[in-house]
């Protein structure tokens, strides 16, 4: 599993994930806010399975 999520992309994913989870935990957005676990996990891991079919990468390293 090679990294395909770059620096800024990772930060945005982590922040967005944490915000969604916090909103879900406080009941502000309901149960759908728990979907924030997905961007949080992909940001922490540095790999996004949705990028694979398109051959997309925001990582600066050449992983091909």
PDB file of N, CA and C in Angstrom:
ATOM      1  N   UNK A   1       0.851  -1.165   0.000  1.00  0.00           N
ATOM      2  CA  UNK A   1       0.000   0.000   0.000  1.00  0.00           C
ATOM      3  C   UNK A   1       0.905   1.239   0.000  1.00  0.00           C
ATOM      4  N   UNK A   2       0.951   1.910  -1.135  1.00  0.00           N
ATOM      5  CA  UNK A   2       1.790   3.088  -1.264  1.00  0.00           C
ATOM      6  C   UNK A   2       0.968   4.342  -1.023  1.00  0.00           C
ATOM      7  N   UNK A   3       1.585   5.331  -0.434  1.00  0.00           N
ATOM      8  CA  UNK A   3       0.900   6.580  -0.116  1.00  0.00           C
ATOM      9  C   UNK A   3       0.426   7.274  -1.387  1.00  0.00           C
ATOM     10  N   UNK A   4      -0.846   7.682  -1.399  1.00  0.00           N
ATOM     11  CA  UNK A   4      -1.362   8.446  -2.530  1.00  0.00           C
ATOM     12  C   UNK A   4      -2.087   9.711  -2.053  1.00  0.00           C
ATOM     13  N   UNK A   5      -1.907  10.041  -0.777  1.00  0.00           N
ATOM     14  CA  UNK A   5      -2.516  11.242  -0.205  1.00  0.00           C
ATOM     15  C   UNK A   5      -1.391  12.156   0.271  1.00  0.00           C
ATOM     16  N   UNK A   6      -1.326  13.355  -0.315  1.00  0.00           N
ATOM     17  CA  UNK A   6      -0.267  14.309  -0.008  1.00  0.00           C
ATOM     18  C   UNK A   6      -0.516  15.096   1.264  1.00  0.00           C
ATOM     19  N   UNK A   7       0.401  15.991   1.574  1.00  0.00           N
ATOM     20  CA  UNK A   7       0.402  16.749   2.821  1.00  0.00           C
ATOM     21  C   UNK A   7      -0.836  17.580   3.084  1.00  0.00           C
ATOM     22  N   UNK A   8      -1.168  18.486   2.177  1.00  0.00           N
ATOM     23  CA  UNK A   8      -2.336  19.345   2.388  1.00  0.00           C
ATOM     24  C   UNK A   8      -3.616  18.512   2.364  1.00  0.00           C
ATOM     25  N   UNK A   9      -3.679  17.549   1.452  1.00  0.00           N
ATOM     26  CA  UNK A   9      -4.836  16.657   1.372  1.00  0.00           C
ATOM     27  C   UNK A   9      -5.027  15.921   2.700  1.00  0.00           C
ATOM     28  N   UNK A  10      -3.947  15.451   3.292  1.00  0.00           N
ATOM     29  CA  UNK A  10      -4.019  14.746   4.575  1.00  0.00           C
ATOM     30  C   UNK A  10      -4.548  15.646   5.675  1.00  0.00           C
ATOM     31  N   UNK A  11      -4.032  16.870   5.727  1.00  0.00           N
ATOM     32  CA  UNK A  11      -4.466  17.808   6.762  1.00  0.00           C
ATOM     33  C   UNK A  11      -5.949  18.116   6.628  1.00  0.00           C
ATOM     34  N   UNK A  12      -6.389  18.377   5.404  1.00  0.00           N
ATOM     35  CA  UNK A  12      -7.806  18.679   5.167  1.00  0.00           C
ATOM     36  C   UNK A  12      -8.684  17.495   5.557  1.00  0.00           C
ATOM     37  N   UNK A  13      -8.268  16.289   5.212  1.00  0.00           N
ATOM     38  CA  UNK A  13      -9.037  15.093   5.558  1.00  0.00           C
ATOM     39  C   UNK A  13      -9.136  14.908   7.070  1.00  0.00           C
ATOM     40  N   UNK A  14      -8.017  15.077   7.760  1.00  0.00           N
ATOM     41  CA  UNK A  14      -8.000  14.891   9.215  1.00  0.00           C
ATOM     42  C   UNK A  14      -8.880  15.930   9.900  1.00  0.00           C
ATOM     43  N   UNK A  15      -8.734  17.191   9.511  1.00  0.00           N
ATOM     44  CA  UNK A  15      -9.533  18.251  10.123  1.00  0.00           C
ATOM     45  C   UNK A  15     -11.023  18.050   9.826  1.00  0.00           C
ATOM     46  N   UNK A  16     -11.357  17.765   8.572  1.00  0.00           N
ATOM     47  CA  UNK A  16     -12.762  17.558   8.205  1.00  0.00           C
ATOM     48  C   UNK A  16     -13.348  16.357   8.953  1.00  0.00           C
ATOM     49  N   UNK A  17     -12.569  15.287   9.054  1.00  0.00           N
ATOM     50  CA  UNK A  17     -13.026  14.105   9.773  1.00  0.00           C
ATOM     51  C   UNK A  17     -13.290  14.391  11.241  1.00  0.00           C
ATOM     52  N   UNK A  18     -12.363  15.102  11.868  1.00  0.00           N
ATOM     53  CA  UNK A  18     -12.536  15.440  13.288  1.00  0.00           C
ATOM     54  C   UNK A  18     -13.748  16.339  13.507  1.00  0.00           C
ATOM     55  N   UNK A  19     -13.950  17.298  12.608  1.00  0.00           N
ATOM     56  CA  UNK A  19     -15.110  18.191  12.733  1.00  0.00           C
ATOM     57  C   UNK A  19     -16.409  17.405  12.591  1.00  0.00           C
ATOM     58  N   UNK A  20     -16.488  16.543  11.582  1.00  0.00           N
ATOM     59  CA  UNK A  20     -17.704  15.744  11.396  1.00  0.00           C
ATOM     60  C   UNK A  20     -17.980  14.843  12.594  1.00  0.00           C
ATOM     61  N   UNK A  21     -16.938  14.209  13.109  1.00  0.00           N
ATOM     62  CA  UNK A  21     -17.107  13.327  14.266  1.00  0.00           C
ATOM     63  C   UNK A  21     -17.557  14.129  15.490  1.00  0.00           C
ATOM     64  N   UNK A  22     -16.968  15.300  15.686  1.00  0.00           N
ATOM     65  CA  UNK A  22     -17.359  16.151  16.820  1.00  0.00           C
ATOM     66  C   UNK A  22     -18.813  16.587  16.693  1.00  0.00           C
ATOM     67  N   UNK A  23     -19.230  16.962  15.485  1.00  0.00           N
ATOM     68  CA  UNK A  23     -20.621  17.363  15.272  1.00  0.00           C
ATOM     69  C   UNK A  23     -21.579  16.197  15.491  1.00  0.00           C
ATOM     70  N   UNK A  24     -21.167  15.004  15.085  1.00  0.00           N
ATOM     71  CA  UNK A  24     -22.006  13.821  15.300  1.00  0.00           C
ATOM     72  C   UNK A  24     -22.081  13.480  16.786  1.00  0.00           C
ATOM     73  N   UNK A  25     -20.964  13.605  17.487  1.00  0.00           N
ATOM     74  CA  UNK A  25     -20.922  13.274  18.913  1.00  0.00           C
ATOM     75  C   UNK A  25     -21.786  14.227  19.735  1.00  0.00           C
ATOM     76  N   UNK A  26     -21.904  15.471  19.283  1.00  0.00           N
ATOM     77  CA  UNK A  26     -22.725  16.437  20.008  1.00  0.00           C
ATOM     78  C   UNK A  26     -24.178  16.440  19.545  1.00  0.00           C
ATOM     79  N   UNK A  27     -24.475  15.646  18.518  1.00  0.00           N
ATOM     80  CA  UNK A  27     -25.846  15.551  18.022  1.00  0.00           C
ATOM     81  C   UNK A  27     -26.241  16.667  17.073  1.00  0.00           C
ATOM     82  N   UNK A  28     -25.282  17.465  16.648  1.00  0.00           N
ATOM     83  CA  UNK A  28     -25.568  18.594  15.771  1.00  0.00           C
ATOM     84  C   UNK A  28     -25.983  18.150  14.370  1.00  0.00           C
ATOM     85  N   UNK A  29     -25.317  17.149  13.813  1.00  0.00           N
ATOM     86  CA  UNK A  29     -25.604  16.714  12.442  1.00  0.00           C
ATOM     87  C   UNK A  29     -26.245  15.336  12.362  1.00  0.00           C
ATOM     88  N   UNK A  30     -26.425  14.691  13.453  1.00  0.00           N
ATOM     89  CA  UNK A  30     -27.032  13.363  13.434  1.00  0.00           C
ATOM     90  C   UNK A  30     -26.013  12.271  13.153  1.00  0.00           C
ATOM     91  N   UNK A  31     -26.535  11.093  12.902  1.00  0.00           N
ATOM     92  CA  UNK A  31     -25.705   9.901  12.759  1.00  0.00           C
ATOM     93  C   UNK A  31     -24.815   9.948  11.511  1.00  0.00           C
ATOM     94  N   UNK A  32     -25.227  10.667  10.481  1.00  0.00           N
ATOM     95  CA  UNK A  32     -24.428  10.740   9.255  1.00  0.00           C
ATOM     96  C   UNK A  32     -23.078  11.417   9.479  1.00  0.00           C
ATOM     97  N   UNK A  33     -22.937  12.159  10.525  1.00  0.00           N
ATOM     98  CA  UNK A  33     -21.658  12.801  10.829  1.00  0.00           C
ATOM     99  C   UNK A  33     -20.548  11.806  11.119  1.00  0.00           C
ATOM    100  N   UNK A  34     -20.925  10.590  11.512  1.00  0.00           N
ATOM    101  CA  UNK A  34     -19.916   9.563  11.802  1.00  0.00           C
ATOM    102  C   UNK A  34     -19.173   9.126  10.551  1.00  0.00           C
ATOM    103  N   UNK A  35     -19.647   9.546   9.371  1.00  0.00           N
ATOM    104  CA  UNK A  35     -18.923   9.267   8.130  1.00  0.00           C
ATOM    105  C   UNK A  35     -17.555   9.960   8.156  1.00  0.00           C
ATOM    106  N   UNK A  36     -17.383  10.887   9.093  1.00  0.00           N
ATOM    107  CA  UNK A  36     -16.101  11.561   9.269  1.00  0.00           C
ATOM    108  C   UNK A  36     -14.970  10.612   9.623  1.00  0.00           C
ATOM    109  N   UNK A  37     -15.306   9.408  10.036  1.00  0.00           N
ATOM    110  CA  UNK A  37     -14.286   8.403  10.340  1.00  0.00           C
ATOM    111  C   UNK A  37     -13.500   8.063   9.070  1.00  0.00           C
ATOM    112  N   UNK A  38     -14.159   8.091   7.923  1.00  0.00           N
ATOM    113  CA  UNK A  38     -13.502   7.729   6.658  1.00  0.00           C
ATOM    114  C   UNK A  38     -12.409   8.735   6.284  1.00  0.00           C
ATOM    115  N   UNK A  39     -12.709  10.034   6.181  1.00  0.00           N
ATOM    116  CA  UNK A  39     -11.607  10.951   5.851  1.00  0.00           C
ATOM    117  C   UNK A  39     -10.532  11.009   6.946  1.00  0.00           C
ATOM    118  N   UNK A  40     -10.933  10.830   8.193  1.00  0.00           N
ATOM    119  CA  UNK A  40      -9.951  10.807   9.271  1.00  0.00           C
ATOM    120  C   UNK A  40      -8.992   9.632   9.085  1.00  0.00           C
ATOM    121  N   UNK A  41      -9.532   8.460   8.825  1.00  0.00           N
ATOM    122  CA  UNK A  41      -8.696   7.266   8.649  1.00  0.00           C
ATOM    123  C   UNK A  41      -7.795   7.389   7.423  1.00  0.00           C
ATOM    124  N   UNK A  42      -8.350   7.834   6.296  1.00  0.00           N
ATOM    125  CA  UNK A  42      -7.526   7.947   5.089  1.00  0.00           C
ATOM    126  C   UNK A  42      -6.460   9.029   5.253  1.00  0.00           C
ATOM    127  N   UNK A  43      -6.767  10.063   6.009  1.00  0.00           N
ATOM    128  CA  UNK A  43      -5.768  11.093   6.265  1.00  0.00           C
ATOM    129  C   UNK A  43      -4.652  10.596   7.163  1.00  0.00           C
ATOM    130  N   UNK A  44      -5.009   9.834   8.180  1.00  0.00           N
ATOM    131  CA  UNK A  44      -3.996   9.301   9.098  1.00  0.00           C
ATOM    132  C   UNK A  44      -3.134   8.229   8.436  1.00  0.00           C
ATOM    133  N   UNK A  45      -3.755   7.390   7.613  1.00  0.00           N
ATOM    134  CA  UNK A  45      -3.030   6.317   6.937  1.00  0.00           C
ATOM    135  C   UNK A  45      -2.208   6.854   5.767  1.00  0.00           C
ATOM    136  N   UNK A  46      -2.760   7.879   5.080  1.00  0.00           N
ATOM    137  CA  UNK A  46      -2.059   8.431   3.919  1.00  0.00           C
ATOM    138  C   UNK A  46      -2.367   7.695   2.633  1.00  0.00           C
ATOM    139  N   UNK A  47      -3.433   6.925   2.627  1.00  0.00           N
ATOM    140  CA  UNK A  47      -3.808   6.131   1.463  1.00  0.00           C
ATOM    141  C   UNK A  47      -5.314   6.168   1.286  1.00  0.00           C
ATOM    142  N   UNK A  48      -5.769   6.444   0.070  1.00  0.00           N
ATOM    143  CA  UNK A  48      -7.194   6.521  -0.213  1.00  0.00           C
ATOM    144  C   UNK A  48      -7.562   5.511  -1.299  1.00  0.00           C
ATOM    145  N   UNK A  49      -8.394   4.531  -0.975  1.00  0.00           N
ATOM    146  CA  UNK A  49      -8.768   3.526  -1.973  1.00  0.00           C
ATOM    147  C   UNK A  49      -9.584   4.102  -3.127  1.00  0.00           C
ATOM    148  N   UNK A  50     -10.266   5.209  -2.934  1.00  0.00           N
ATOM    149  CA  UNK A  50     -11.055   5.818  -4.005  1.00  0.00           C
ATOM    150  C   UNK A  50     -10.162   6.410  -5.097  1.00  0.00           C
ATOM    151  N   UNK A  51      -8.912   6.701  -4.794  1.00  0.00           N
ATOM    152  CA  UNK A  51      -7.990   7.244  -5.793  1.00  0.00           C
ATOM    153  C   UNK A  51      -7.483   6.164  -6.755  1.00  0.00           C
ATOM    154  N   UNK A  52      -7.489   4.902  -6.327  1.00  0.00           N
ATOM    155  CA  UNK A  52      -6.891   3.826  -7.117  1.00  0.00           C
ATOM    156  C   UNK A  52      -7.488   3.650  -8.508  1.00  0.00           C
ATOM    157  N   UNK A  53      -8.812   3.550  -8.674  1.00  0.00           N
ATOM    158  CA  UNK A  53      -9.353   3.307 -10.015  1.00  0.00           C
ATOM    159  C   UNK A  53      -9.025   4.413 -11.019  1.00  0.00           C
ATOM    160  N   UNK A  54      -8.774   5.602 -10.515  1.00  0.00           N
ATOM    161  CA  UNK A  54      -8.506   6.744 -11.377  1.00  0.00           C
ATOM    162  C   UNK A  54      -7.007   7.026 -11.536  1.00  0.00           C
ATOM    163  N   UNK A  55      -6.179   6.308 -10.798  1.00  0.00           N
ATOM    164  CA  UNK A  55      -4.739   6.521 -10.840  1.00  0.00           C
ATOM    165  C   UNK A  55      -4.347   7.892 -10.314  1.00  0.00           C
ATOM    166  N   UNK A  56      -5.134   8.418  -9.401  1.00  0.00           N
ATOM    167  CA  UNK A  56      -4.950   9.761  -8.876  1.00  0.00           C
ATOM    168  C   UNK A  56      -4.077   9.722  -7.630  1.00  0.00           C
ATOM    169  N   UNK A  57      -3.248  10.739  -7.465  1.00  0.00           N
ATOM    170  CA  UNK A  57      -2.414  10.838  -6.277  1.00  0.00           C
ATOM    171  C   UNK A  57      -2.109  12.305  -5.993  1.00  0.00           C
ATOM    172  N   UNK A  58      -2.189  12.697  -4.721  1.00  0.00           N
ATOM    173  CA  UNK A  58      -1.796  14.046  -4.331  1.00  0.00           C
ATOM    174  C   UNK A  58      -0.450  14.031  -3.612  1.00  0.00           C
ATOM    175  N   UNK A  59       0.129  12.841  -3.510  1.00  0.00           N
ATOM    176  CA  UNK A  59       1.427  12.692  -2.868  1.00  0.00           C
ATOM    177  C   UNK A  59       2.526  13.162  -3.816  1.00  0.00           C
ATOM    178  N   UNK A  60       3.535  13.820  -3.269  1.00  0.00           N
ATOM    179  CA  UNK A  60       4.633  14.321  -4.096  1.00  0.00           C
ATOM    180  C   UNK A  60       5.601  13.235  -4.511  1.00  0.00           C
ATOM    181  N   UNK A  61       5.611  12.116  -3.797  1.00  0.00           N
ATOM    182  CA  UNK A  61       6.522  11.034  -4.141  1.00  0.00           C
ATOM    183  C   UNK A  61       5.963  10.234  -5.297  1.00  0.00           C
ATOM    184  N   UNK A  62       6.834   9.737  -6.136  1.00  0.00           N
ATOM    185  CA  UNK A  62       6.417   8.923  -7.281  1.00  0.00           C
ATOM    186  C   UNK A  62       6.283   7.475  -6.832  1.00  0.00           C
ATOM    187  N   UNK A  63       5.050   7.006  -6.699  1.00  0.00           N
ATOM    188  CA  UNK A  63       4.799   5.669  -6.168  1.00  0.00           C
ATOM    189  C   UNK A  63       4.430   4.656  -7.233  1.00  0.00           C
ATOM    190  N   UNK A  64       4.714   4.915  -8.454  1.00  0.00           N
ATOM    191  CA  UNK A  64       4.284   3.997  -9.521  1.00  0.00           C
ATOM    192  C   UNK A  64       5.309   2.970  -9.852  1.00  0.00           C
TER     193      UNK A  64
END
